[in-house]
Amino acid sequence: MTATSQCIAHVDMDAFYASIEIRDDSSLRGRPVVVGGAGDQRGVVAAASYEARRFGIHSAMPMARAERLCATLVRLPVDFEKYRSVSREVMEILGKYSPLVEPLSLDEAFLDLTGTERALGPPSVVGPRIKQEIRDRTRLTASVGIAPVKFVAKIASDLRKPDGWVLVAVDDVLGFLHPLPLSRLWGVGPRTQETLTSMGLATIGDVALADPRRLERQLGEHGRHLCALARGEDVRGVVPDAEAKSYSHEQTFAQDQLDLDLLQSVLLDQSLRVARRLRRDGVRGRTVQLKLRLHDFQTTTRQRTLAESSAATETIYETACQLLAQHWNGAPVRLIGVGMSGIAPPALEIRDLFHGERDEKRERLAVAIDGLEERFRRGLITRAKILAHPEIEGTGTPSDRDLE
């Protein structure tokens, strides 16, 4: 790295959830292990050990399919409390190397090492040191990539997993990127790759050499963005403690549901969880979103923007129920979810004298309940409507960076 370039590290834990479970139970070592929901309840794979991946199993795969691919598969339930605890240890380690740490999820983060060479040593020393400190403290392996820009550092960390280490110097960025396949380029999914392939492009280097105007005609502004990335241009810096853009919870039912009372009870449970996390982070949301997936996999999302931002359970729940009443056609429901976006700290705004005061009272009550649960036990106080339906999962399926 030169004195004027950025120095960005991307640290990615290897098969994080599965590796924690294997660490804590030595009898699992060497066996194909997955973490996730049960296959007969439409669960999905949250994490797969590298032994399981040899069978073609990967995260987000339906658990039933994973179990068909590997008859000896070991499935373990998700334990987010344990994973969050280990994540805090990892982030604490990264914080020793830079004040600029940007967590992307529980198991990966960027950190800005620019200007730290005099205190910490060159990147060639710092990268292996981070890996070793994580191993010593957590007994887990991490893959680390260091490069002048964020997306190159992310590619580098993934290139030699597990337990990988790749350093890309400023002068080597293009030589590193250009031979790589299109799938390695950020923002290239199956459809975009199909479009690029139809244009005769096969590698990142091909995209870099393509006419940006041609890419823009095919892919819009995204085409120009991909061209810039392919040329090693990524102006984004590391944003410490990046705020979540949205908070949401979903539940996939073991059997398709037609019971309105059950659907409303699930919405209440999810609204409680979303609101609690908003309050914990000291923010409010402005837009409530309802997500429905029907028995035929038709997925609908509908949203409503509130008159004022809120972190009150009742406000989120009532709005979600209104959206359900307006947009559910009565067909069997496979999945339902609630989300909040338009996230920001409480604004110094002129609040509606009636609704604003009502929302404030709701939030004050909720904060008091949060305090009791924090002191004693999560779930100590809940709603009778939720208790009436034991089929409610109770943890939901988190969709943003801070898994519940």
Protein backbone atom coordinates (compact mmCIF):
# COMPACT_ATOMS: atom_id res chain seq x y z
CA MET A 1 0.00 0.00 0.00
CA THR A 2 1.22 3.50 -0.72
CA ALA A 3 1.14 6.32 1.79
CA THR A 4 -1.81 7.95 -0.03
CA SER A 5 -4.02 4.91 -0.72
CA GLN A 6 -6.67 3.44 1.50
CA CYS A 7 -5.96 0.21 3.30
CA ILE A 8 -9.21 -1.73 3.88
CA ALA A 9 -9.50 -5.13 5.53
CA HIS A 10 -12.46 -7.47 5.23
CA VAL A 11 -12.70 -10.11 7.96
CA ASP A 12 -15.10 -12.99 7.37
CA MET A 13 -15.57 -15.83 9.86
CA ASP A 14 -15.59 -19.29 8.29
CA ALA A 15 -18.97 -21.12 8.38
CA PHE A 16 -19.58 -19.13 11.54
CA TYR A 17 -22.65 -20.72 13.15
CA ALA A 18 -21.68 -24.26 12.20
CA SER A 19 -18.07 -23.73 13.30
CA ILE A 20 -19.20 -22.54 16.74
CA GLU A 21 -21.31 -25.66 17.19
CA ILE A 22 -18.44 -27.92 16.10
CA ARG A 23 -16.05 -26.09 18.43
CA ASP A 24 -18.41 -26.70 21.34
CA ASP A 25 -18.98 -30.39 20.53
CA SER A 26 -15.85 -32.21 19.41
CA SER A 27 -17.89 -35.24 18.30
CA LEU A 28 -19.10 -33.13 15.34
CA ARG A 29 -15.61 -32.54 13.98
CA GLY A 30 -15.21 -33.89 10.46
CA ARG A 31 -18.94 -34.50 10.02
CA PRO A 32 -21.33 -32.66 7.68
CA VAL A 33 -23.06 -30.16 9.99
CA VAL A 34 -25.73 -27.58 9.28
CA VAL A 35 -27.51 -25.06 11.48
CA GLY A 36 -31.11 -24.20 10.72
CA GLY A 37 -34.77 -25.10 10.97
CA ALA A 38 -36.20 -28.59 10.60
CA GLY A 39 -36.81 -29.84 7.08
CA ASP A 40 -40.33 -31.07 7.85
CA GLN A 41 -41.19 -27.55 9.03
CA ARG A 42 -39.87 -25.80 5.93
CA GLY A 43 -36.69 -24.74 7.67
CA VAL A 44 -33.71 -23.42 5.75
CA VAL A 45 -29.95 -23.81 6.16
CA ALA A 46 -28.50 -20.86 8.09
CA ALA A 47 -24.92 -22.16 7.92
CA ALA A 48 -23.16 -25.25 6.60
CA SER A 49 -19.80 -26.71 7.58
CA TYR A 50 -17.28 -27.23 4.81
CA GLU A 51 -17.85 -30.97 5.06
CA ALA A 52 -21.55 -30.35 4.33
CA ARG A 53 -20.70 -28.04 1.44
CA ARG A 54 -18.98 -30.90 -0.35
CA PHE A 55 -22.46 -32.34 -0.88
CA GLY A 56 -23.63 -29.12 -2.55
CA ILE A 57 -25.30 -27.79 0.58
CA HIS A 58 -25.24 -24.05 1.14
CA SER A 59 -26.89 -21.36 3.25
CA ALA A 60 -30.49 -20.41 2.38
CA MET A 61 -31.09 -23.87 0.90
CA PRO A 62 -34.31 -25.58 2.06
CA MET A 63 -33.37 -27.98 4.83
CA ALA A 64 -35.45 -30.76 3.28
CA ARG A 65 -33.29 -30.58 0.15
CA ALA A 66 -30.08 -30.52 2.20
CA GLU A 67 -31.18 -33.67 4.02
CA ARG A 68 -31.83 -35.37 0.68
CA LEU A 69 -28.36 -34.43 -0.56
CA CYS A 70 -26.61 -35.90 2.50
CA ALA A 71 -28.05 -38.86 4.40
CA THR A 72 -25.54 -38.40 7.26
CA LEU A 73 -26.22 -34.70 7.70
CA VAL A 74 -26.24 -33.42 11.29
CA ARG A 75 -28.77 -30.62 11.80
CA LEU A 76 -28.58 -28.35 14.83
CA PRO A 77 -31.08 -25.65 15.84
CA VAL A 78 -30.07 -22.01 15.66
CA ASP A 79 -28.70 -20.46 18.88
CA PHE A 80 -28.44 -16.76 18.08
CA GLU A 81 -27.65 -15.80 21.66
CA LYS A 82 -24.47 -17.86 21.52
CA TYR A 83 -23.56 -16.57 18.06
CA ARG A 84 -24.06 -12.95 19.14
CA SER A 85 -21.78 -13.51 22.13
CA VAL A 86 -18.96 -14.84 19.92
CA SER A 87 -19.59 -12.04 17.43
CA ARG A 88 -19.06 -9.46 20.16
CA GLU A 89 -15.68 -11.05 20.94
CA VAL A 90 -14.65 -10.87 17.28
CA MET A 91 -15.75 -7.24 16.90
CA GLU A 92 -13.91 -6.35 20.09
CA ILE A 93 -10.72 -7.78 18.61
CA LEU A 94 -11.19 -5.80 15.37
CA GLY A 95 -11.75 -2.64 17.39
CA LYS A 96 -8.19 -2.95 18.73
CA TYR A 97 -6.84 -2.56 15.21
CA SER A 98 -8.97 0.37 14.05
CA PRO A 99 -11.65 2.71 15.40
CA LEU A 100 -13.35 2.41 12.01
CA VAL A 101 -15.09 -0.99 12.02
CA GLU A 102 -18.18 -1.56 9.88
CA PRO A 103 -20.01 -4.77 10.81
CA LEU A 104 -21.97 -6.25 7.91
CA SER A 105 -23.48 -9.08 9.95
CA LEU A 106 -22.58 -11.15 13.00
CA ASP A 107 -19.72 -12.84 11.17
CA GLU A 108 -18.09 -10.25 8.91
CA ALA A 109 -16.87 -6.68 9.00
CA PHE A 110 -14.74 -4.11 7.21
CA LEU A 111 -12.09 -2.16 9.05
CA ASP A 112 -10.06 0.80 7.85
CA LEU A 113 -6.35 0.31 8.46
CA THR A 114 -5.33 3.46 6.59
CA GLY A 115 -2.53 5.28 8.42
CA THR A 116 -2.00 2.53 11.01
CA GLU A 117 1.21 1.10 9.55
CA ARG A 118 3.51 2.99 11.93
CA ALA A 119 1.62 1.74 14.98
CA LEU A 120 0.60 -1.74 13.83
CA GLY A 121 3.05 -2.66 11.10
CA PRO A 122 2.48 -3.29 7.40
CA PRO A 123 -0.68 -5.06 6.13
CA SER A 124 1.36 -8.19 5.47
CA VAL A 125 1.86 -8.44 9.23
CA VAL A 126 -1.49 -7.12 10.45
CA GLY A 127 -3.65 -9.53 8.44
CA PRO A 128 -2.13 -12.73 9.87
CA ARG A 129 -2.06 -11.14 13.32
CA ILE A 130 -5.81 -10.49 13.23
CA LYS A 131 -6.43 -14.07 12.15
CA GLN A 132 -4.25 -15.46 14.92
CA GLU A 133 -5.81 -13.31 17.62
CA ILE A 134 -9.30 -14.42 16.58
CA ARG A 135 -8.15 -18.04 16.64
CA ASP A 136 -6.50 -17.69 20.07
CA ARG A 137 -9.53 -16.06 21.66
CA THR A 138 -12.45 -17.87 20.00
CA ARG A 139 -10.89 -21.11 18.71
CA LEU A 140 -12.39 -20.30 15.32
CA THR A 141 -10.86 -19.44 11.96
CA ALA A 142 -11.39 -16.28 9.95
CA SER A 143 -10.51 -15.39 6.37
CA VAL A 144 -9.02 -11.95 5.81
CA GLY A 145 -8.54 -9.88 2.69
CA ILE A 146 -6.75 -6.53 2.58
CA ALA A 147 -6.88 -4.19 -0.41
CA PRO A 148 -7.07 -0.48 -1.31
CA VAL A 149 -10.87 -0.60 -1.82
CA LYS A 150 -13.75 -2.32 -0.05
CA PHE A 151 -15.08 -4.63 -2.71
CA VAL A 152 -11.61 -5.92 -3.63
CA ALA A 153 -10.94 -6.65 0.06
CA LYS A 154 -14.22 -8.60 0.21
CA ILE A 155 -13.34 -10.67 -2.85
CA ALA A 156 -9.87 -11.30 -1.41
CA SER A 157 -11.22 -12.63 1.89
CA ASP A 158 -13.44 -15.12 0.04
CA LEU A 159 -10.85 -16.34 -2.44
CA ARG A 160 -9.00 -18.86 -0.26
CA LYS A 161 -11.59 -19.88 2.32
CA PRO A 162 -11.50 -21.37 4.87
CA ASP A 163 -8.72 -19.84 6.97
CA GLY A 164 -7.68 -17.71 4.01
CA TRP A 165 -5.39 -14.72 3.78
CA VAL A 166 -4.97 -12.56 0.65
CA LEU A 167 -3.25 -9.18 0.35
CA VAL A 168 -3.82 -7.10 -2.80
CA ALA A 169 -1.44 -4.19 -3.24
CA VAL A 170 -2.38 -1.00 -5.09
CA ASP A 171 -0.42 -1.91 -8.22
CA ASP A 172 -1.89 -5.42 -8.27
CA VAL A 173 -5.61 -4.56 -8.14
CA LEU A 174 -6.33 -4.86 -11.85
CA GLY A 175 -4.15 -7.92 -12.25
CA PHE A 176 -6.01 -9.50 -9.34
CA LEU A 177 -9.51 -8.59 -10.57
CA HIS A 178 -9.45 -9.04 -14.31
CA PRO A 179 -9.00 -12.84 -14.60
CA LEU A 180 -11.85 -13.49 -12.13
CA PRO A 181 -15.27 -14.70 -13.38
CA LEU A 182 -18.25 -12.37 -13.56
CA SER A 183 -19.83 -13.98 -10.50
CA ARG A 184 -17.12 -12.46 -8.31
CA LEU A 185 -18.19 -8.92 -9.19
CA TRP A 186 -20.38 -7.25 -6.57
CA GLY A 187 -23.93 -6.83 -7.82
CA VAL A 188 -23.78 -9.59 -10.44
CA GLY A 189 -26.50 -12.13 -9.77
CA PRO A 190 -27.75 -14.84 -12.15
CA ARG A 191 -29.84 -12.46 -14.28
CA THR A 192 -27.15 -9.80 -14.58
CA GLN A 193 -24.58 -12.47 -15.38
CA GLU A 194 -26.85 -13.82 -18.11
CA THR A 195 -27.09 -10.34 -19.62
CA LEU A 196 -23.33 -9.79 -19.48
CA THR A 197 -22.66 -13.22 -20.98
CA SER A 198 -25.04 -12.48 -23.83
CA MET A 199 -22.90 -9.41 -24.51
CA GLY A 200 -19.86 -11.66 -24.90
CA LEU A 201 -18.36 -10.80 -21.51
CA ALA A 202 -16.93 -13.64 -19.40
CA THR A 203 -14.54 -12.08 -16.87
CA ILE A 204 -14.27 -8.97 -14.74
CA GLY A 205 -11.56 -7.82 -17.14
CA ASP A 206 -14.03 -8.01 -20.02
CA VAL A 207 -16.40 -5.71 -18.12
CA ALA A 208 -13.57 -3.29 -17.37
CA LEU A 209 -12.74 -3.02 -21.07
CA ALA A 210 -16.35 -2.73 -22.21
CA ASP A 211 -17.87 0.57 -23.32
CA PRO A 212 -19.67 1.99 -20.25
CA ARG A 213 -22.39 3.39 -22.53
CA ARG A 214 -23.11 -0.09 -23.88
CA LEU A 215 -23.36 -1.46 -20.34
CA GLU A 216 -25.65 1.39 -19.37
CA ARG A 217 -27.95 0.68 -22.31
CA GLN A 218 -28.30 -2.93 -21.16
CA LEU A 219 -28.32 -2.50 -17.38
CA GLY A 220 -29.04 1.15 -16.71
CA GLU A 221 -26.96 3.03 -14.13
CA HIS A 222 -26.03 -0.33 -12.62
CA GLY A 223 -24.03 -1.07 -15.78
CA ARG A 224 -21.81 1.98 -15.28
CA HIS A 225 -21.36 1.04 -11.62
CA LEU A 226 -20.21 -2.47 -12.57
CA CYS A 227 -17.77 -1.01 -15.09
CA ALA A 228 -16.25 1.22 -12.41
CA LEU A 229 -15.89 -1.69 -9.97
CA ALA A 230 -14.28 -3.83 -12.65
CA ARG A 231 -11.69 -1.07 -13.06
CA GLY A 232 -10.97 -1.12 -9.34
CA GLU A 233 -12.88 2.08 -8.62
CA ASP A 234 -14.77 2.00 -5.32
CA VAL A 235 -14.91 5.30 -3.47
CA ARG A 236 -16.89 4.01 -0.50
CA GLY A 237 -15.15 4.25 2.84
CA VAL A 238 -15.65 2.20 5.97
CA VAL A 239 -18.69 3.44 7.89
CA PRO A 240 -18.42 2.50 11.58
CA ASP A 241 -21.56 1.30 13.33
CA ALA A 242 -23.61 1.66 10.17
CA GLU A 243 -27.27 2.01 11.05
CA ALA A 244 -29.61 -0.69 9.84
CA LYS A 245 -31.72 0.52 6.93
CA SER A 246 -34.60 -1.69 8.00
CA TYR A 247 -35.72 -4.00 10.76
CA SER A 248 -37.88 -7.02 9.99
CA HIS A 249 -38.98 -10.48 11.06
CA GLU A 250 -40.56 -13.28 9.06
CA GLN A 251 -41.99 -16.71 9.78
CA THR A 252 -42.46 -19.60 7.37
CA PHE A 253 -45.23 -21.92 8.52
CA ALA A 254 -44.85 -25.70 8.68
CA GLN A 255 -48.31 -25.85 7.08
CA ASP A 256 -50.05 -23.19 4.99
CA GLN A 257 -52.34 -21.06 7.12
CA LEU A 258 -55.87 -19.71 6.62
CA ASP A 259 -56.55 -18.74 10.25
CA LEU A 260 -56.83 -14.92 10.42
CA ASP A 261 -56.44 -14.90 14.18
CA LEU A 262 -53.18 -16.86 13.92
CA LEU A 263 -51.86 -14.54 11.20
CA GLN A 264 -52.66 -11.50 13.33
CA SER A 265 -51.02 -13.14 16.37
CA VAL A 266 -47.84 -13.74 14.37
CA LEU A 267 -47.91 -10.11 13.23
CA LEU A 268 -48.18 -9.04 16.86
CA ASP A 269 -45.21 -11.18 17.88
CA GLN A 270 -43.15 -9.82 14.98
CA SER A 271 -44.19 -6.24 15.72
CA LEU A 272 -43.08 -6.70 19.33
CA ARG A 273 -39.65 -7.86 18.20
CA VAL A 274 -39.17 -5.16 15.57
CA ALA A 275 -40.26 -2.43 18.00
CA ARG A 276 -38.01 -3.73 20.77
CA ARG A 277 -34.97 -3.59 18.49
CA LEU A 278 -35.85 -0.10 17.30
CA ARG A 279 -36.01 1.07 20.92
CA ARG A 280 -32.81 -0.73 21.81
CA ASP A 281 -30.98 1.10 19.01
CA GLY A 282 -32.56 4.43 19.93
CA VAL A 283 -34.26 4.87 16.55
CA ARG A 284 -37.74 4.97 15.04
CA GLY A 285 -39.19 3.88 11.71
CA ARG A 286 -41.46 5.74 9.36
CA THR A 287 -42.70 3.01 7.00
CA VAL A 288 -44.38 -0.28 7.98
CA GLN A 289 -44.06 -3.16 5.53
CA LEU A 290 -46.08 -6.38 5.30
CA LYS A 291 -44.71 -9.38 3.42
CA LEU A 292 -46.91 -12.31 2.37
CA ARG A 293 -45.93 -15.48 0.52
CA LEU A 294 -48.85 -17.64 -0.49
CA HIS A 295 -49.10 -21.40 -0.98
CA ASP A 296 -48.15 -21.05 -4.66
CA PHE A 297 -45.02 -18.99 -3.74
CA GLN A 298 -46.59 -15.76 -5.01
CA THR A 299 -44.95 -13.09 -2.85
CA THR A 300 -46.47 -9.71 -2.11
CA THR A 301 -45.01 -6.79 -0.17
CA ARG A 302 -47.09 -3.77 0.75
CA GLN A 303 -46.14 -0.77 2.83
CA ARG A 304 -47.62 2.29 4.46
CA THR A 305 -45.81 5.42 5.58
CA LEU A 306 -46.86 6.70 8.99
CA ALA A 307 -47.72 10.31 9.71
CA GLU A 308 -44.93 10.30 12.31
CA SER A 309 -42.02 7.97 12.96
CA SER A 310 -42.59 5.38 15.67
CA ALA A 311 -41.04 2.59 17.74
CA ALA A 312 -44.34 1.60 19.37
CA THR A 313 -45.46 -2.02 19.02
CA GLU A 314 -49.15 -1.14 18.72
CA THR A 315 -48.56 1.37 15.93
CA ILE A 316 -46.57 -1.14 13.90
CA TYR A 317 -49.03 -3.95 14.61
CA GLU A 318 -52.17 -1.97 13.83
CA THR A 319 -50.71 -0.79 10.52
CA ALA A 320 -49.59 -4.31 9.60
CA CYS A 321 -53.09 -5.65 10.33
CA GLN A 322 -54.62 -2.94 8.14
CA LEU A 323 -52.30 -3.91 5.30
CA LEU A 324 -53.20 -7.58 5.78
CA ALA A 325 -56.93 -6.78 5.64
CA GLN A 326 -56.48 -4.78 2.44
CA HIS A 327 -54.11 -7.06 0.54
CA TRP A 328 -54.69 -10.67 1.65
CA ASN A 329 -57.06 -12.44 -0.73
CA GLY A 330 -57.81 -15.31 1.66
CA ALA A 331 -55.48 -17.81 -0.04
CA PRO A 332 -53.34 -20.13 2.15
CA VAL A 333 -50.33 -18.28 3.57
CA ARG A 334 -46.89 -19.88 3.56
CA LEU A 335 -44.88 -16.96 5.03
CA ILE A 336 -45.72 -13.70 6.74
CA GLY A 337 -43.44 -10.89 7.90
CA VAL A 338 -43.37 -7.37 9.30
CA GLY A 339 -40.72 -4.74 8.66
CA MET A 340 -39.91 -1.10 9.40
CA SER A 341 -37.86 1.19 7.18
CA GLY A 342 -37.19 4.91 7.06
CA ILE A 343 -35.01 4.43 10.13
CA ALA A 344 -33.69 7.52 11.92
CA PRO A 345 -33.12 8.88 15.43
CA PRO A 346 -36.18 10.53 17.00
CA ALA A 347 -36.61 13.83 15.19
CA LEU A 348 -37.23 17.18 16.80
CA GLU A 349 -40.54 17.49 15.03
CA ILE A 350 -43.90 19.04 15.80
CA ARG A 351 -45.89 15.96 16.75
CA ASP A 352 -49.62 15.56 16.30
CA LEU A 353 -51.14 16.53 19.67
CA PHE A 354 -53.29 13.39 19.86
CA HIS A 355 -51.44 10.70 17.95
CA GLY A 356 -48.03 11.94 19.06
CA GLU A 357 -48.97 11.86 22.73
CA ARG A 358 -50.58 8.42 22.33
CA ASP A 359 -47.45 7.05 20.64
CA GLU A 360 -45.22 8.52 23.34
CA LYS A 361 -47.29 6.81 26.05
CA ARG A 362 -47.08 3.51 24.18
CA GLU A 363 -43.32 3.80 23.84
CA ARG A 364 -42.83 4.71 27.51
CA LEU A 365 -44.77 1.62 28.56
CA ALA A 366 -42.77 -0.52 26.15
CA VAL A 367 -39.47 0.87 27.45
CA ALA A 368 -40.53 -0.05 31.01
CA ILE A 369 -41.28 -3.60 29.86
CA ASP A 370 -37.95 -3.72 28.01
CA GLY A 371 -36.22 -2.83 31.28
CA LEU A 372 -37.95 -5.63 33.16
CA GLU A 373 -37.05 -8.17 30.51
CA GLU A 374 -33.46 -6.97 30.39
CA ARG A 375 -33.19 -7.34 34.14
CA PHE A 376 -34.98 -10.64 34.53
CA ARG A 377 -35.82 -12.68 31.44
CA ARG A 378 -36.73 -12.11 27.78
CA GLY A 379 -40.35 -13.08 27.22
CA LEU A 380 -41.28 -12.46 30.86
CA ILE A 381 -44.16 -10.26 29.73
CA THR A 382 -46.03 -11.08 26.55
CA ARG A 383 -49.50 -10.83 25.05
CA ALA A 384 -52.30 -13.35 25.64
CA LYS A 385 -53.01 -13.31 21.90
CA ILE A 386 -49.52 -14.71 21.28
CA LEU A 387 -49.73 -17.32 24.06
CA ALA A 388 -52.92 -18.66 22.49
CA HIS A 389 -50.93 -19.87 19.46
CA PRO A 390 -48.02 -22.18 20.37
CA GLU A 391 -47.18 -22.59 16.67
CA ILE A 392 -45.66 -19.10 16.65
CA GLU A 393 -41.92 -19.68 16.28
CA GLY A 394 -40.93 -17.16 18.91
CA THR A 395 -37.70 -16.13 17.21
CA GLY A 396 -38.77 -15.26 13.69
CA THR A 397 -36.43 -15.10 10.72
CA PRO A 398 -34.31 -11.94 10.97
CA SER A 399 -33.65 -10.00 7.83
CA ASP A 400 -31.22 -7.27 8.75
CA ARG A 401 -27.66 -7.22 10.08
CA ASP A 402 -28.53 -7.55 13.76
CA LEU A 403 -30.02 -11.02 14.08
CA GLU A 404 -32.61 -11.47 16.77
